[in-house]
Amino acid sequence: MFRKTMLTGLLAATLGSQAFAADVAAPAPIAAPAPWAFDFAFGAKVMSDYNFRGISQSARGPAINVYGEARYGWLYAGAAYWTTKLPNRPIGEVDLYAGIRPVLGDATFDFGVMYYLYPNETQFITTTPPAPVGFAGTWTANRSNFVEVYGKVGYDITPQLNVGAALYYAPNWLGTGAYGTYGEVNAKYKLPNDFAISGALGHYWLGTTYGYLGGVNLQDYLYWNAGVSWTYKDAVTLDLRYHGTNLTSQQCFATTGDYRGIFTGSGRSNWCGHSVVATLSVDLQWSKLPYK
């Protein structure tokens, strides 16, 4: 798939222009709301790198996220904004989402749909050196918005241990015409003094592009993470997490279209490599505020 042809070059930058998008921005509910009561959750986070499913969305630099989510019993709808640094230079990523979170005994389910929006994208084109040797030219699409549906479940084995699984599906991944299916298993264990350890193992299945991209089979890959977190008063969380994938630097470039791989002529990218990310987040819930 990653043969050095003009087609692959076109595909690399096209996918890279959108890179990947975020999961539902809001974390699990801080506390279970009263049945069918209105509530509102909101928050923000600062990250040393916006890493999504193993791939940097901020060129290995810092990023910011803010979100707001309205809730009524099990129902929810929200919006989130993420700063990004992508080849086609959108002003950021906007996620619009809605769904339902039923709670059945010790199991919490989450079924929903998300629309990923990249405002003010600009087409990026290079047809002359220093494009990587063998690439006749690269360019990005200027319409990369897409829809993804998802289903998640978490189960409390004990008050300290939660295990879960999730499945996401996009019929037109990043506007390429290819499907994108991501599956994940995860676990979290609460430690004394509000510490916790957690991790996840996932796999991305990607289909075949169509139209001007020429029917290219996209590269599947594995993703994993593991980290430790500390939470203060159920509102402020500091997380330190290792992320990794099995993509090579050449495969990473072909998937992301990292502009540094284009301008240096290396045809490589470190956006998918092993990394450690620090995140400081604040998550609040209107019904739990001390002064409303």
Protein backbone atom coordinates (compact mmCIF):
# COMPACT_ATOMS: atom_id res chain seq x y z
CA MET A 1 0.00 0.00 0.00
CA PHE A 2 2.77 2.39 0.88
CA ARG A 3 4.49 2.25 -2.49
CA LYS A 4 6.04 5.57 -3.40
CA THR A 5 3.79 6.74 -6.17
CA MET A 6 1.99 9.94 -6.92
CA LEU A 7 -1.24 8.30 -5.82
CA THR A 8 0.15 7.46 -2.41
CA GLY A 9 1.53 10.96 -2.08
CA LEU A 10 -1.87 12.40 -2.84
CA LEU A 11 -3.46 10.06 -0.34
CA ALA A 12 -0.90 10.81 2.35
CA ALA A 13 -1.54 14.51 2.37
CA THR A 14 -5.27 14.10 1.96
CA LEU A 15 -5.52 11.91 5.04
CA GLY A 16 -3.02 14.04 6.88
CA SER A 17 -5.05 17.15 6.28
CA GLN A 18 -7.70 15.79 8.59
CA ALA A 19 -5.53 13.41 10.62
CA PHE A 20 -7.95 12.01 13.18
CA ALA A 21 -10.65 13.37 15.38
CA ALA A 22 -11.51 13.16 19.03
CA ASP A 23 -13.66 10.81 20.99
CA VAL A 24 -16.59 12.29 22.86
CA ALA A 25 -14.89 15.12 24.68
CA ALA A 26 -16.73 14.90 27.98
CA PRO A 27 -15.54 12.26 30.44
CA ALA A 28 -17.83 9.80 32.19
CA PRO A 29 -20.37 11.58 34.39
CA ILE A 30 -18.82 12.94 37.57
CA ALA A 31 -21.80 11.62 39.49
CA ALA A 32 -24.94 9.83 38.40
CA PRO A 33 -27.67 12.46 37.87
CA ALA A 34 -31.13 12.17 39.35
CA PRO A 35 -33.44 10.25 36.97
CA TRP A 36 -34.59 12.48 34.14
CA ALA A 37 -33.24 15.67 35.68
CA PHE A 38 -31.63 18.41 33.63
CA ASP A 39 -27.94 19.03 34.19
CA PHE A 40 -24.97 20.58 32.44
CA ALA A 41 -21.34 19.42 32.37
CA PHE A 42 -18.47 21.60 31.17
CA GLY A 43 -14.72 21.70 31.36
CA ALA A 44 -11.34 22.22 29.74
CA LYS A 45 -7.96 20.57 29.46
CA VAL A 46 -4.39 21.50 28.58
CA MET A 47 -2.27 18.78 26.92
CA SER A 48 1.41 18.52 26.06
CA ASP A 49 0.21 16.82 22.84
CA TYR A 50 -3.25 16.22 21.39
CA ASN A 51 -2.92 12.48 20.81
CA PHE A 52 -5.96 10.72 19.37
CA ARG A 53 -5.93 6.95 18.90
CA GLY A 54 -2.16 7.00 18.84
CA ILE A 55 -1.59 9.85 16.36
CA SER A 56 -0.70 13.45 17.19
CA GLN A 57 -3.15 16.10 16.04
CA SER A 58 -0.96 19.00 17.18
CA ALA A 59 2.40 18.15 15.53
CA ARG A 60 3.75 16.94 18.89
CA GLY A 61 3.02 20.36 20.41
CA PRO A 62 0.68 21.51 23.20
CA ALA A 63 -3.07 21.77 22.66
CA ILE A 64 -6.23 22.95 24.45
CA ASN A 65 -9.73 21.46 24.63
CA VAL A 66 -12.99 22.95 25.93
CA TYR A 67 -16.45 21.36 25.99
CA GLY A 68 -20.01 21.75 27.19
CA GLU A 69 -22.66 19.04 27.49
CA ALA A 70 -26.39 19.23 28.30
CA ARG A 71 -27.91 16.19 30.04
CA TYR A 72 -31.42 15.01 30.77
CA GLY A 73 -31.43 11.71 32.57
CA TRP A 74 -29.70 9.25 30.26
CA LEU A 75 -29.84 11.62 27.26
CA TYR A 76 -27.03 14.02 26.36
CA ALA A 77 -25.86 16.41 23.64
CA GLY A 78 -22.72 18.48 23.52
CA ALA A 79 -20.02 20.30 21.63
CA ALA A 80 -16.24 20.44 22.00
CA TYR A 81 -13.36 22.40 20.49
CA TRP A 82 -9.74 21.21 20.13
CA THR A 83 -6.76 23.20 18.92
CA THR A 84 -4.89 21.39 16.13
CA LYS A 85 -1.86 21.74 13.89
CA LEU A 86 -2.63 19.88 10.67
CA PRO A 87 -1.35 20.17 7.08
CA ASN A 88 -4.52 21.85 5.78
CA ARG A 89 -4.52 24.36 8.64
CA PRO A 90 -8.10 24.35 9.96
CA ILE A 91 -8.72 26.75 12.83
CA GLY A 92 -9.26 23.69 15.00
CA GLU A 93 -11.54 20.72 15.40
CA VAL A 94 -15.19 21.04 16.43
CA ASP A 95 -17.09 17.97 17.63
CA LEU A 96 -20.90 17.93 17.78
CA TYR A 97 -22.37 14.86 19.43
CA ALA A 98 -25.47 13.37 21.05
CA GLY A 99 -26.54 10.05 22.49
CA ILE A 100 -27.87 8.05 25.42
CA ARG A 101 -26.08 6.56 28.48
CA PRO A 102 -28.25 3.88 30.08
CA VAL A 103 -27.16 2.54 33.48
CA LEU A 104 -28.13 -1.07 34.20
CA GLY A 105 -26.83 -2.33 37.50
CA ASP A 106 -23.04 -2.16 37.48
CA ALA A 107 -22.91 -1.56 33.72
CA THR A 108 -22.98 1.82 31.99
CA PHE A 109 -23.69 1.94 28.25
CA ASP A 110 -23.14 4.81 25.82
CA PHE A 111 -24.62 4.93 22.31
CA GLY A 112 -24.29 8.02 20.15
CA VAL A 113 -23.29 9.83 17.00
CA MET A 114 -20.63 12.49 16.43
CA TYR A 115 -20.03 14.97 13.62
CA TYR A 116 -16.41 16.07 13.16
CA LEU A 117 -15.96 19.54 11.70
CA TYR A 118 -12.70 21.20 10.58
CA PRO A 119 -13.54 24.88 9.95
CA ASN A 120 -11.69 27.01 7.41
CA GLU A 121 -9.58 24.25 5.86
CA THR A 122 -7.09 25.40 3.24
CA GLN A 123 -5.91 23.18 0.41
CA PHE A 124 -2.21 22.42 0.68
CA ILE A 125 -0.33 21.62 -2.54
CA THR A 126 3.27 20.75 -3.38
CA THR A 127 4.30 19.47 -6.81
CA THR A 128 8.02 20.18 -6.81
CA PRO A 129 10.99 19.34 -4.54
CA PRO A 130 11.51 19.06 -1.64
CA ALA A 131 8.69 16.53 -1.85
CA PRO A 132 9.99 13.02 -0.98
CA VAL A 133 11.75 11.20 -3.79
CA GLY A 134 9.23 9.28 -5.86
CA PHE A 135 6.27 11.51 -4.96
CA ALA A 136 5.14 13.51 -7.98
CA GLY A 137 2.96 15.76 -5.87
CA THR A 138 0.85 15.98 -2.75
CA TRP A 139 -2.29 17.86 -1.89
CA THR A 140 -5.02 17.99 0.70
CA ALA A 141 -8.77 17.96 0.44
CA ASN A 142 -10.64 20.98 1.74
CA ARG A 143 -13.73 19.03 2.83
CA SER A 144 -12.87 16.50 5.51
CA ASN A 145 -15.90 16.66 7.81
CA PHE A 146 -17.46 13.28 8.58
CA VAL A 147 -19.88 11.38 10.84
CA GLU A 148 -19.08 8.55 13.25
CA VAL A 149 -21.43 6.36 15.31
CA TYR A 150 -20.28 4.64 18.48
CA GLY A 151 -21.20 2.24 21.25
CA LYS A 152 -19.41 1.84 24.58
CA VAL A 153 -19.85 -0.14 27.77
CA GLY A 154 -18.14 -0.03 31.14
CA TYR A 155 -18.63 -2.57 33.95
CA ASP A 156 -17.65 -2.23 37.62
CA ILE A 157 -16.22 -5.60 38.62
CA THR A 158 -15.43 -4.12 42.04
CA PRO A 159 -15.70 -0.55 43.38
CA GLN A 160 -12.05 -0.15 42.37
CA LEU A 161 -11.91 -2.01 39.05
CA ASN A 162 -13.80 -1.04 35.88
CA VAL A 163 -13.41 -2.80 32.53
CA GLY A 164 -14.87 -1.67 29.24
CA ALA A 165 -15.07 -1.92 25.49
CA ALA A 166 -15.93 0.48 22.66
CA LEU A 167 -16.65 0.36 18.94
CA TYR A 168 -16.69 3.31 16.52
CA TYR A 169 -17.73 3.29 12.85
CA ALA A 170 -17.44 5.97 10.15
CA PRO A 171 -18.91 5.06 6.71
CA ASN A 172 -16.98 7.85 4.95
CA TRP A 173 -13.81 8.24 7.00
CA LEU A 174 -12.34 11.74 6.60
CA GLY A 175 -14.16 12.16 3.30
CA THR A 176 -12.08 9.48 1.54
CA GLY A 177 -14.98 7.13 0.84
CA ALA A 178 -13.29 4.43 2.92
CA TYR A 179 -14.88 3.07 6.07
CA GLY A 180 -13.12 3.47 9.41
CA THR A 181 -13.83 1.06 12.28
CA TYR A 182 -12.07 1.38 15.63
CA GLY A 183 -12.46 -1.19 18.43
CA GLU A 184 -11.00 -0.96 21.92
CA VAL A 185 -10.87 -2.76 25.28
CA ASN A 186 -9.84 -0.82 28.37
CA ALA A 187 -9.54 -1.03 32.14
CA LYS A 188 -9.13 1.34 35.10
CA TYR A 189 -8.15 0.55 38.69
CA LYS A 190 -8.62 3.08 41.50
CA LEU A 191 -5.77 3.37 43.98
CA PRO A 192 -5.75 5.00 47.43
CA ASN A 193 -5.58 8.81 47.77
CA ASP A 194 -7.48 9.44 44.51
CA PHE A 195 -4.83 7.90 42.26
CA ALA A 196 -5.71 5.50 39.44
CA ILE A 197 -3.98 3.45 36.76
CA SER A 198 -5.61 2.72 33.40
CA GLY A 199 -4.88 1.47 29.93
CA ALA A 200 -6.40 0.51 26.59
CA LEU A 201 -5.68 -1.66 23.58
CA GLY A 202 -7.32 -0.83 20.26
CA HIS A 203 -7.29 -1.66 16.57
CA TYR A 204 -8.19 0.55 13.60
CA TRP A 205 -9.63 -1.19 10.52
CA LEU A 206 -9.60 1.08 7.47
CA GLY A 207 -11.19 0.38 4.10
CA THR A 208 -10.51 1.36 0.49
CA THR A 209 -10.73 4.87 -0.90
CA TYR A 210 -12.61 5.71 -4.07
CA GLY A 211 -12.86 8.44 -6.69
CA TYR A 212 -9.89 10.76 -7.13
CA LEU A 213 -7.92 8.78 -4.51
CA GLY A 214 -7.88 5.80 -6.86
CA GLY A 215 -9.02 2.85 -4.72
CA VAL A 216 -6.16 2.56 -2.22
CA ASN A 217 -6.34 0.13 0.70
CA LEU A 218 -5.64 2.13 3.84
CA GLN A 219 -3.27 0.81 6.50
CA ASP A 220 -4.81 -0.89 9.55
CA TYR A 221 -2.93 -0.45 12.81
CA LEU A 222 -2.78 -1.29 16.51
CA TYR A 223 -2.89 1.35 19.26
CA TRP A 224 -2.27 1.10 22.99
CA ASN A 225 -1.92 3.40 25.99
CA ALA A 226 -1.20 3.14 29.70
CA GLY A 227 -1.00 5.79 32.37
CA VAL A 228 -1.49 7.03 35.91
CA SER A 229 -3.80 9.82 37.06
CA TRP A 230 -4.60 11.79 40.20
CA THR A 231 -7.95 13.51 40.77
CA TYR A 232 -8.69 16.32 43.21
CA LYS A 233 -12.25 16.57 44.54
CA ASP A 234 -13.74 14.80 41.50
CA ALA A 235 -13.00 17.88 39.38
CA VAL A 236 -9.31 18.43 38.63
CA THR A 237 -7.28 15.59 37.09
CA LEU A 238 -3.60 15.30 36.26
CA ASP A 239 -2.84 12.44 33.86
CA LEU A 240 0.50 11.12 32.60
CA ARG A 241 0.09 8.61 29.77
CA TYR A 242 2.20 6.59 27.34
CA HIS A 243 0.83 6.14 23.79
CA GLY A 244 2.08 3.81 21.06
CA THR A 245 1.20 2.28 17.69
CA ASN A 246 2.71 -0.36 15.40
CA LEU A 247 2.96 2.06 12.45
CA THR A 248 6.44 2.66 11.02
CA SER A 249 7.58 6.23 10.36
CA GLN A 250 6.97 5.69 6.62
CA GLN A 251 3.49 4.31 7.23
CA CYS A 252 2.81 7.19 9.60
CA PHE A 253 3.70 9.70 6.90
CA ALA A 254 1.49 7.93 4.36
CA THR A 255 -1.39 8.04 6.85
CA THR A 256 -0.95 11.58 8.18
CA GLY A 257 0.77 13.55 5.41
CA ASP A 258 2.99 15.22 8.05
CA TYR A 259 4.17 18.38 6.27
CA ARG A 260 7.64 18.07 7.78
CA GLY A 261 8.06 14.76 5.95
CA ILE A 262 7.16 16.59 2.75
CA PHE A 263 9.37 19.64 3.18
CA THR A 264 12.42 17.66 4.34
CA GLY A 265 11.96 15.06 1.60
CA SER A 266 12.25 12.22 4.14
CA GLY A 267 8.77 10.77 3.63
CA ARG A 268 8.69 10.01 7.36
CA SER A 269 6.69 11.18 10.37
CA ASN A 270 6.99 10.81 14.14
CA TRP A 271 3.33 11.68 14.77
CA CYS A 272 2.49 7.96 15.33
CA GLY A 273 5.54 7.00 17.37
CA HIS A 274 5.85 6.26 21.05
CA SER A 275 5.14 9.28 23.24
CA VAL A 276 4.32 10.36 26.79
CA VAL A 277 1.57 12.98 27.16
CA ALA A 278 0.75 15.06 30.24
CA THR A 279 -2.81 16.38 30.61
CA LEU A 280 -4.34 18.72 33.17
CA SER A 281 -8.15 18.77 33.03
CA VAL A 282 -11.03 20.41 34.90
CA ASP A 283 -14.48 18.78 34.66
CA LEU A 284 -17.46 20.36 36.40
CA GLN A 285 -21.15 19.55 36.73
CA TRP A 286 -23.74 22.24 37.33
CA SER A 287 -25.72 20.24 39.88
CA LYS A 288 -22.57 19.65 41.95
CA LEU A 289 -21.30 23.23 42.07
CA PRO A 290 -21.10 24.59 45.62
CA TYR A 291 -22.50 27.98 44.55
CA LYS A 292 -25.11 27.96 41.80
